[in-house]
C-alpha atoms as a PDB file:
ATOM      1  CA  UNK A   1      23.506  -5.554  20.051  1.00  0.00           C
ATOM      2  CA  UNK A   2      21.229  -3.086  21.905  1.00  0.00           C
ATOM      3  CA  UNK A   3      17.581  -2.433  21.096  1.00  0.00           C
ATOM      4  CA  UNK A   4      18.619   0.382  18.765  1.00  0.00           C
ATOM      5  CA  UNK A   5      20.781  -1.344  16.182  1.00  0.00           C
ATOM      6  CA  UNK A   6      24.141   0.146  15.340  1.00  0.00           C
ATOM      7  CA  UNK A   7      27.714  -1.044  15.065  1.00  0.00           C
ATOM      8  CA  UNK A   8      31.022   0.652  15.502  1.00  0.00           C
ATOM      9  CA  UNK A   9      33.459  -1.814  13.908  1.00  0.00           C
ATOM     10  CA  UNK A  10      33.547  -2.265  10.171  1.00  0.00           C
ATOM     11  CA  UNK A  11      35.366  -4.947   8.214  1.00  0.00           C
ATOM     12  CA  UNK A  12      35.092  -7.493   5.463  1.00  0.00           C
ATOM     13  CA  UNK A  13      32.930 -10.592   5.301  1.00  0.00           C
ATOM     14  CA  UNK A  14      32.507 -13.079   2.467  1.00  0.00           C
ATOM     15  CA  UNK A  15      29.014 -13.037   1.018  1.00  0.00           C
ATOM     16  CA  UNK A  16      27.280 -15.868   1.545  1.00  0.00           C
ATOM     17  CA  UNK A  17       1.426 -11.854 -20.977  1.00  0.00           C
ATOM     18  CA  UNK A  18       0.333 -11.584 -17.121  1.00  0.00           C
ATOM     19  CA  UNK A  19      -3.164 -10.904 -15.779  1.00  0.00           C
ATOM     20  CA  UNK A  20      -4.034  -9.167 -12.539  1.00  0.00           C
ATOM     21  CA  UNK A  21      -7.094 -10.742 -10.962  1.00  0.00           C
ATOM     22  CA  UNK A  22      -7.198  -8.173  -8.180  1.00  0.00           C
ATOM     23  CA  UNK A  23      -6.435 -10.850  -5.629  1.00  0.00           C
ATOM     24  CA  UNK A  24      -3.930 -10.593  -2.830  1.00  0.00           C
ATOM     25  CA  UNK A  25      -3.455 -14.337  -2.663  1.00  0.00           C
ATOM     26  CA  UNK A  26      -0.252 -13.843  -4.619  1.00  0.00           C
ATOM     27  CA  UNK A  27       1.516 -12.284  -1.629  1.00  0.00           C
ATOM     28  CA  UNK A  28       4.269 -14.602  -0.511  1.00  0.00           C
ATOM     29  CA  UNK A  29       5.042 -15.533   3.051  1.00  0.00           C
ATOM     30  CA  UNK A  30       8.200 -14.259   4.737  1.00  0.00           C
ATOM     31  CA  UNK A  31       9.744 -17.729   4.551  1.00  0.00           C
ATOM     32  CA  UNK A  32       9.680 -17.454   0.747  1.00  0.00           C
ATOM     33  CA  UNK A  33      11.107 -13.925   0.633  1.00  0.00           C
ATOM     34  CA  UNK A  34      14.752 -13.135   0.039  1.00  0.00           C
ATOM     35  CA  UNK A  35      16.400  -9.977   1.395  1.00  0.00           C
ATOM     36  CA  UNK A  36      19.778  -8.625   0.307  1.00  0.00           C
ATOM     37  CA  UNK A  37      21.731  -6.828   3.046  1.00  0.00           C
ATOM     38  CA  UNK A  38      24.472  -4.508   1.803  1.00  0.00           C
ATOM     39  CA  UNK A  39      26.296  -3.214   4.890  1.00  0.00           C
ATOM     40  CA  UNK A  40      30.034  -2.822   5.510  1.00  0.00           C
ATOM     41  CA  UNK A  41      29.751  -2.834   9.299  1.00  0.00           C
ATOM     42  CA  UNK A  42      30.135  -6.572   9.800  1.00  0.00           C
ATOM     43  CA  UNK A  43      28.585  -6.794  13.264  1.00  0.00           C
ATOM     44  CA  UNK A  44      25.549  -4.827  12.160  1.00  0.00           C
ATOM     45  CA  UNK A  45      25.207  -6.892   8.968  1.00  0.00           C
ATOM     46  CA  UNK A  46      25.321 -10.114  11.004  1.00  0.00           C
ATOM     47  CA  UNK A  47      22.770  -8.779  13.489  1.00  0.00           C
ATOM     48  CA  UNK A  48      20.423  -7.766  10.665  1.00  0.00           C
ATOM     49  CA  UNK A  49      20.750 -11.187   9.042  1.00  0.00           C
ATOM     50  CA  UNK A  50      19.951 -12.896  12.359  1.00  0.00           C
ATOM     51  CA  UNK A  51      16.908 -10.705  13.010  1.00  0.00           C
ATOM     52  CA  UNK A  52      15.539 -11.380   9.525  1.00  0.00           C
ATOM     53  CA  UNK A  53      16.265 -15.111   9.799  1.00  0.00           C
ATOM     54  CA  UNK A  54      14.313 -15.240  13.070  1.00  0.00           C
ATOM     55  CA  UNK A  55      11.394 -13.730  11.161  1.00  0.00           C
ATOM     56  CA  UNK A  56      11.762 -16.436   8.496  1.00  0.00           C
ATOM     57  CA  UNK A  57      13.321 -14.299   5.769  1.00  0.00           C
ATOM     58  CA  UNK A  58      16.104 -15.718   3.587  1.00  0.00           C
ATOM     59  CA  UNK A  59      19.078 -13.362   3.467  1.00  0.00           C
ATOM     60  CA  UNK A  60      22.283 -12.768   1.550  1.00  0.00           C
ATOM     61  CA  UNK A  61      24.908 -10.465   3.082  1.00  0.00           C
ATOM     62  CA  UNK A  62      27.626  -8.514   1.292  1.00  0.00           C
ATOM     63  CA  UNK A  63      29.985  -5.882   2.699  1.00  0.00           C
ATOM     64  CA  UNK A  64      31.015  -3.815  -0.321  1.00  0.00           C
ATOM     65  CA  UNK A  65      29.100  -1.604  -2.697  1.00  0.00           C
ATOM     66  CA  UNK A  66      30.355  -3.330  -5.829  1.00  0.00           C
ATOM     67  CA  UNK A  67      29.334  -6.775  -4.562  1.00  0.00           C
ATOM     68  CA  UNK A  68      25.993  -5.359  -3.461  1.00  0.00           C
ATOM     69  CA  UNK A  69      25.318  -3.919  -6.900  1.00  0.00           C
ATOM     70  CA  UNK A  70      26.237  -7.181  -8.654  1.00  0.00           C
ATOM     71  CA  UNK A  71      24.026  -9.243  -6.335  1.00  0.00           C
ATOM     72  CA  UNK A  72      21.102  -6.819  -6.670  1.00  0.00           C
ATOM     73  CA  UNK A  73      21.357  -6.899 -10.474  1.00  0.00           C
ATOM     74  CA  UNK A  74      20.242 -10.540 -10.388  1.00  0.00           C
ATOM     75  CA  UNK A  75      16.697  -9.356  -9.629  1.00  0.00           C
ATOM     76  CA  UNK A  76      16.056 -12.309  -7.285  1.00  0.00           C
ATOM     77  CA  UNK A  77      15.457 -10.235  -4.143  1.00  0.00           C
ATOM     78  CA  UNK A  78      12.190  -8.994  -2.673  1.00  0.00           C
ATOM     79  CA  UNK A  79      13.811  -6.186  -0.680  1.00  0.00           C
ATOM     80  CA  UNK A  80      17.290  -4.643  -0.505  1.00  0.00           C
ATOM     81  CA  UNK A  81      18.552  -3.176   2.785  1.00  0.00           C
ATOM     82  CA  UNK A  82      21.263  -0.804   1.578  1.00  0.00           C
ATOM     83  CA  UNK A  83      23.787   1.233   3.564  1.00  0.00           C
ATOM     84  CA  UNK A  84      24.807   4.612   2.188  1.00  0.00           C
ATOM     85  CA  UNK A  85      28.493   4.728   3.137  1.00  0.00           C
ATOM     86  CA  UNK A  86      30.084   1.699   1.456  1.00  0.00           C
ATOM     87  CA  UNK A  87      33.509   0.870   0.027  1.00  0.00           C
ATOM     88  CA  UNK A  88      33.905   0.710  -3.772  1.00  0.00           C
ATOM     89  CA  UNK A  89      30.418   2.107  -4.542  1.00  0.00           C
ATOM     90  CA  UNK A  90      28.143   4.162  -2.278  1.00  0.00           C
ATOM     91  CA  UNK A  91      24.479   3.404  -1.685  1.00  0.00           C
ATOM     92  CA  UNK A  92      23.207   6.394  -3.649  1.00  0.00           C
ATOM     93  CA  UNK A  93      25.115   5.239  -6.746  1.00  0.00           C
ATOM     94  CA  UNK A  94      23.929   1.656  -6.324  1.00  0.00           C
ATOM     95  CA  UNK A  95      20.277   2.716  -6.093  1.00  0.00           C
ATOM     96  CA  UNK A  96      20.536   4.943  -9.157  1.00  0.00           C
ATOM     97  CA  UNK A  97      22.361   2.313 -11.232  1.00  0.00           C
ATOM     98  CA  UNK A  98      19.811  -0.344 -10.290  1.00  0.00           C
ATOM     99  CA  UNK A  99      16.930   1.869 -11.408  1.00  0.00           C
ATOM    100  CA  UNK A 100      18.833   2.713 -14.604  1.00  0.00           C
ATOM    101  CA  UNK A 101      19.067  -1.043 -15.200  1.00  0.00           C
ATOM    102  CA  UNK A 102      15.289  -1.461 -14.704  1.00  0.00           C
ATOM    103  CA  UNK A 103      15.698  -3.294 -11.377  1.00  0.00           C
ATOM    104  CA  UNK A 104      12.618  -2.264  -9.384  1.00  0.00           C
ATOM    105  CA  UNK A 105      13.317  -4.179  -6.162  1.00  0.00           C
ATOM    106  CA  UNK A 106      12.236  -2.071  -3.144  1.00  0.00           C
ATOM    107  CA  UNK A 107      15.208  -0.440  -1.388  1.00  0.00           C
ATOM    108  CA  UNK A 108      15.477   0.618   2.249  1.00  0.00           C
ATOM    109  CA  UNK A 109      18.508   2.860   2.749  1.00  0.00           C
ATOM    110  CA  UNK A 110      20.424   2.922   6.032  1.00  0.00           C
ATOM    111  CA  UNK A 111      22.592   5.833   7.111  1.00  0.00           C
ATOM    112  CA  UNK A 112      24.176   7.392  10.151  1.00  0.00           C
ATOM    113  CA  UNK A 113      23.359  10.802   8.692  1.00  0.00           C
ATOM    114  CA  UNK A 114      20.070  12.322   9.807  1.00  0.00           C
ATOM    115  CA  UNK A 115      19.934  15.205   7.337  1.00  0.00           C
ATOM    116  CA  UNK A 116      17.030  16.040   5.081  1.00  0.00           C
ATOM    117  CA  UNK A 117      19.431  16.497   2.159  1.00  0.00           C
ATOM    118  CA  UNK A 118      20.689  12.920   2.448  1.00  0.00           C
ATOM    119  CA  UNK A 119      17.163  11.537   2.692  1.00  0.00           C
ATOM    120  CA  UNK A 120      16.040  13.499  -0.359  1.00  0.00           C
ATOM    121  CA  UNK A 121      19.135  12.373  -2.267  1.00  0.00           C
ATOM    122  CA  UNK A 122      18.436   8.730  -1.420  1.00  0.00           C
ATOM    123  CA  UNK A 123      14.800   8.917  -2.433  1.00  0.00           C
ATOM    124  CA  UNK A 124      15.659  10.779  -5.640  1.00  0.00           C
ATOM    125  CA  UNK A 125      18.169   8.045  -6.506  1.00  0.00           C
ATOM    126  CA  UNK A 126      15.427   5.437  -6.359  1.00  0.00           C
ATOM    127  CA  UNK A 127      15.195   4.312  -2.731  1.00  0.00           C
ATOM    128  CA  UNK A 128      11.712   3.522  -1.402  1.00  0.00           C
ATOM    129  CA  UNK A 129      12.382   4.144   2.283  1.00  0.00           C
ATOM    130  CA  UNK A 130      15.056   5.585   4.552  1.00  0.00           C
ATOM    131  CA  UNK A 131      16.163   4.706   8.088  1.00  0.00           C
ATOM    132  CA  UNK A 132      18.701   6.425  10.334  1.00  0.00           C
ATOM    133  CA  UNK A 133      21.063   4.428  12.567  1.00  0.00           C
ATOM    134  CA  UNK A 134      20.596   3.412  15.302  1.00  0.00           C
ATOM    135  CA  UNK A 135      17.132   2.000  14.738  1.00  0.00           C
ATOM    136  CA  UNK A 136      14.805  -0.452  16.430  1.00  0.00           C
ATOM    137  CA  UNK A 137      14.704  -3.886  14.743  1.00  0.00           C
ATOM    138  CA  UNK A 138      10.907  -4.051  14.931  1.00  0.00           C
ATOM    139  CA  UNK A 139      10.681  -0.840  12.899  1.00  0.00           C
ATOM    140  CA  UNK A 140      12.902  -2.287  10.156  1.00  0.00           C
ATOM    141  CA  UNK A 141      10.769  -5.443  10.030  1.00  0.00           C
ATOM    142  CA  UNK A 142       7.611  -3.333   9.847  1.00  0.00           C
ATOM    143  CA  UNK A 143       9.012  -1.306   6.964  1.00  0.00           C
ATOM    144  CA  UNK A 144      10.027  -4.458   5.085  1.00  0.00           C
ATOM    145  CA  UNK A 145       6.511  -5.843   5.557  1.00  0.00           C
ATOM    146  CA  UNK A 146       5.034  -2.546   4.335  1.00  0.00           C
ATOM    147  CA  UNK A 147       7.161  -2.567   1.177  1.00  0.00           C
ATOM    148  CA  UNK A 148       6.405  -6.199   0.341  1.00  0.00           C
ATOM    149  CA  UNK A 149       2.722  -5.651   1.125  1.00  0.00           C
ATOM    150  CA  UNK A 150       2.705  -2.677  -1.244  1.00  0.00           C
ATOM    151  CA  UNK A 151       4.167  -4.931  -3.925  1.00  0.00           C
ATOM    152  CA  UNK A 152       1.617  -7.596  -3.115  1.00  0.00           C
ATOM    153  CA  UNK A 153      -1.298  -5.280  -3.751  1.00  0.00           C
ATOM    154  CA  UNK A 154      -0.323  -5.113  -7.424  1.00  0.00           C
ATOM    155  CA  UNK A 155       1.227  -8.546  -7.608  1.00  0.00           C
ATOM    156  CA  UNK A 156      -0.046 -10.632 -10.485  1.00  0.00           C
ATOM    157  CA  UNK A 157      -1.967 -13.725  -9.490  1.00  0.00           C
ATOM    158  CA  UNK A 158      -1.997 -15.473 -12.861  1.00  0.00           C
ATOM    159  CA  UNK A 159       0.349 -15.723 -15.821  1.00  0.00           C
ATOM    160  CA  UNK A 160      -0.898 -16.730 -19.256  1.00  0.00           C
ATOM    161  CA  UNK A 161       0.803 -17.875 -22.431  1.00  0.00           C
ATOM    162  CA  UNK A 162      -0.957 -19.516 -25.358  1.00  0.00           C
ATOM    163  CA  UNK A 163      -3.436 -22.025 -23.967  1.00  0.00           C
ATOM    164  CA  UNK A 164      -1.885 -22.339 -20.475  1.00  0.00           C
ATOM    165  CA  UNK A 165      -2.572 -20.416 -17.280  1.00  0.00           C
ATOM    166  CA  UNK A 166      -0.285 -20.587 -14.236  1.00  0.00           C
ATOM    167  CA  UNK A 167      -1.735 -19.720 -10.832  1.00  0.00           C
ATOM    168  CA  UNK A 168       1.156 -17.936  -9.113  1.00  0.00           C
ATOM    169  CA  UNK A 169      -0.314 -18.548  -5.664  1.00  0.00           C
ATOM    170  CA  UNK A 170      -0.942 -22.280  -5.830  1.00  0.00           C
ATOM    171  CA  UNK A 171       1.414 -23.395  -8.584  1.00  0.00           C
ATOM    172  CA  UNK A 172      -1.461 -25.024 -10.483  1.00  0.00           C
ATOM    173  CA  UNK A 173      -1.040 -25.085 -14.266  1.00  0.00           C
ATOM    174  CA  UNK A 174      -4.275 -25.230 -16.302  1.00  0.00           C
ATOM    175  CA  UNK A 175      -5.042 -25.838 -19.953  1.00  0.00           C
ATOM    176  CA  UNK A 176      -8.531 -26.050 -21.461  1.00  0.00           C
ATOM    177  CA  UNK A 177     -10.197 -27.609 -18.439  1.00  0.00           C
ATOM    178  CA  UNK A 178      -7.324 -29.815 -17.296  1.00  0.00           C
ATOM    179  CA  UNK A 179      -4.859 -28.887 -14.556  1.00  0.00           C
ATOM    180  CA  UNK A 180      -1.740 -30.212 -12.847  1.00  0.00           C
ATOM    181  CA  UNK A 181       0.252 -28.997  -9.861  1.00  0.00           C
ATOM    182  CA  UNK A 182       3.803 -27.701 -10.258  1.00  0.00           C
ATOM    183  CA  UNK A 183       6.308 -27.778  -7.422  1.00  0.00           C
ATOM    184  CA  UNK A 184       8.053 -24.565  -6.386  1.00  0.00           C
ATOM    185  CA  UNK A 185      11.011 -24.741  -8.772  1.00  0.00           C
ATOM    186  CA  UNK A 186       8.881 -25.869 -11.718  1.00  0.00           C
ATOM    187  CA  UNK A 187       6.518 -22.972 -11.078  1.00  0.00           C
ATOM    188  CA  UNK A 188       9.345 -20.421 -10.776  1.00  0.00           C
ATOM    189  CA  UNK A 189      11.034 -21.610 -13.984  1.00  0.00           C
ATOM    190  CA  UNK A 190       7.794 -21.527 -15.963  1.00  0.00           C
ATOM    191  CA  UNK A 191       6.938 -18.107 -14.530  1.00  0.00           C
ATOM    192  CA  UNK A 192      10.278 -16.715 -15.774  1.00  0.00           C
ATOM    193  CA  UNK A 193       9.726 -18.205 -19.227  1.00  0.00           C
ATOM    194  CA  UNK A 194       6.180 -16.794 -19.378  1.00  0.00           C
ATOM    195  CA  UNK A 195       7.452 -13.366 -18.316  1.00  0.00           C
ATOM    196  CA  UNK A 196       9.831 -13.341 -21.309  1.00  0.00           C
ATOM    197  CA  UNK A 197       7.616 -14.612 -24.143  1.00  0.00           C
ATOM    198  CA  UNK A 198       9.668 -13.150 -26.981  1.00  0.00           C
ATOM    199  CA  UNK A 199      13.148 -13.892 -25.720  1.00  0.00           C
ATOM    200  CA  UNK A 200      15.215 -16.754 -24.393  1.00  0.00           C
ATOM    201  CA  UNK A 201      16.081 -17.186 -20.734  1.00  0.00           C
ATOM    202  CA  UNK A 202      19.582 -18.508 -20.140  1.00  0.00           C
ATOM    203  CA  UNK A 203      20.402 -21.412 -17.858  1.00  0.00           C
ATOM    204  CA  UNK A 204      22.542 -19.056 -15.810  1.00  0.00           C
ATOM    205  CA  UNK A 205      19.600 -16.717 -15.215  1.00  0.00           C
ATOM    206  CA  UNK A 206      17.370 -19.637 -14.252  1.00  0.00           C
ATOM    207  CA  UNK A 207      19.921 -20.933 -11.742  1.00  0.00           C
ATOM    208  CA  UNK A 208      20.457 -17.494 -10.206  1.00  0.00           C
ATOM    209  CA  UNK A 209      16.781 -16.586  -9.952  1.00  0.00           C
ATOM    210  CA  UNK A 210      15.371 -19.979  -8.965  1.00  0.00           C
ATOM    211  CA  UNK A 211      18.104 -21.676  -6.970  1.00  0.00           C
ATOM    212  CA  UNK A 212      19.890 -18.534  -5.673  1.00  0.00           C
ATOM    213  CA  UNK A 213      23.218 -16.787  -6.092  1.00  0.00           C
ATOM    214  CA  UNK A 214      25.287 -19.130  -3.914  1.00  0.00           C
ATOM    215  CA  UNK A 215      23.630 -22.350  -5.032  1.00  0.00           C
ATOM    216  CA  UNK A 216      25.604 -25.359  -6.236  1.00  0.00           C
ATOM    217  CA  UNK A 217      22.953 -26.056  -8.880  1.00  0.00           C
ATOM    218  CA  UNK A 218      24.272 -26.790 -12.367  1.00  0.00           C
ATOM    219  CA  UNK A 219      22.987 -26.930 -15.934  1.00  0.00           C
ATOM    220  CA  UNK A 220      21.934 -30.530 -15.250  1.00  0.00           C
ATOM    221  CA  UNK A 221      19.493 -29.333 -12.588  1.00  0.00           C
ATOM    222  CA  UNK A 222      17.904 -26.902 -15.037  1.00  0.00           C
ATOM    223  CA  UNK A 223      17.675 -29.559 -17.753  1.00  0.00           C
ATOM    224  CA  UNK A 224      15.977 -31.970 -15.338  1.00  0.00           C
ATOM    225  CA  UNK A 225      13.293 -29.443 -14.375  1.00  0.00           C
ATOM    226  CA  UNK A 226      12.755 -28.427 -18.005  1.00  0.00           C
ATOM    227  CA  UNK A 227      12.138 -32.125 -18.704  1.00  0.00           C
ATOM    228  CA  UNK A 228       9.593 -32.281 -15.845  1.00  0.00           C
ATOM    229  CA  UNK A 229       7.791 -29.223 -17.227  1.00  0.00           C
ATOM    230  CA  UNK A 230       7.699 -30.657 -20.756  1.00  0.00           C
ATOM    231  CA  UNK A 231       6.078 -33.845 -19.453  1.00  0.00           C
ATOM    232  CA  UNK A 232       3.442 -31.842 -17.596  1.00  0.00           C
ATOM    233  CA  UNK A 233       2.698 -29.716 -20.663  1.00  0.00           C
ATOM    234  CA  UNK A 234       2.313 -32.962 -22.618  1.00  0.00           C
ATOM    235  CA  UNK A 235      -0.058 -34.320 -19.956  1.00  0.00           C
ATOM    236  CA  UNK A 236      -2.212 -31.203 -20.391  1.00  0.00           C
ATOM    237  CA  UNK A 237      -2.214 -31.637 -24.205  1.00  0.00           C
ATOM    238  CA  UNK A 238      -1.025 -28.058 -24.447  1.00  0.00           C
ATOM    239  CA  UNK A 239       0.049 -26.405 -27.679  1.00  0.00           C
ATOM    240  CA  UNK A 240       2.843 -24.688 -25.714  1.00  0.00           C
ATOM    241  CA  UNK A 241       6.332 -26.140 -25.823  1.00  0.00           C
ATOM    242  CA  UNK A 242       9.705 -25.260 -24.281  1.00  0.00           C
ATOM    243  CA  UNK A 243      12.320 -24.866 -26.994  1.00  0.00           C
ATOM    244  CA  UNK A 244      16.030 -25.180 -26.269  1.00  0.00           C
ATOM    245  CA  UNK A 245      18.193 -22.672 -28.128  1.00  0.00           C
ATOM    246  CA  UNK A 246      21.734 -23.984 -28.372  1.00  0.00           C
ATOM    247  CA  UNK A 247      24.193 -22.026 -26.197  1.00  0.00           C
ATOM    248  CA  UNK A 248      21.476 -19.448 -25.467  1.00  0.00           C
ATOM    249  CA  UNK A 249      18.801 -20.916 -23.202  1.00  0.00           C
ATOM    250  CA  UNK A 250      15.087 -21.734 -23.325  1.00  0.00           C
ATOM    251  CA  UNK A 251      12.033 -20.068 -24.838  1.00  0.00           C
ATOM    252  CA  UNK A 252       8.315 -20.761 -24.741  1.00  0.00           C
ATOM    253  CA  UNK A 253       6.644 -21.299 -28.114  1.00  0.00           C
ATOM    254  CA  UNK A 254       3.026 -21.858 -29.115  1.00  0.00           C
ATOM    255  CA  UNK A 255       2.506 -24.570 -31.717  1.00  0.00           C
ATOM    256  CA  UNK A 256      -0.659 -24.243 -33.771  1.00  0.00           C
END
């Protein structure tokens, strides 16, 4: 693939209450960031995935618009690289439907068309940036960094519920002067529960958002980590508990 990325052959490929402390410590490293690539030109999609992997990004690749929309709906991605001309559902439609569904993941649109009308259409549909093929890989990486940095500037550094506070940067969970460290998955699960204080989070959502779309994780994995979290809440003598709702999921509750 030349310095300006493009590809001529297309085909199919199987897809592999919060407080802002004003700190930028919450910005995650590239190695912890997941990018969704929705591109029907297989060679280009593979090249993009390789470039991002070399820069320590995790990637998922899909080659149809419908698959891209379904993957993006999970809300687990930090950035979506989205082609305009796609089979089954075009990029403009995907971007609009994602925004209609309250998915605010930053979107970079890719197109072979260099017209102002197309760029305006993409931005009006909800895209955050626009690149014309062929493009230089370093420019794409720079734009991804800019979008994630922009998110980081308003990224919440602490999450609070009842008497517990979770530091989103360090994974430390504190309660009335005591603290304990959570590992990555424990922290991510608790963060999702704290972000939905009045509703249950299903096991399926936890698996998708914590382990990833293509993970082999099962309900047993979720139950094990919920057990770990309950023990740590008990260690902290917290009034917060994780309640299991039969056939629904889990919800945080504050016991007085």
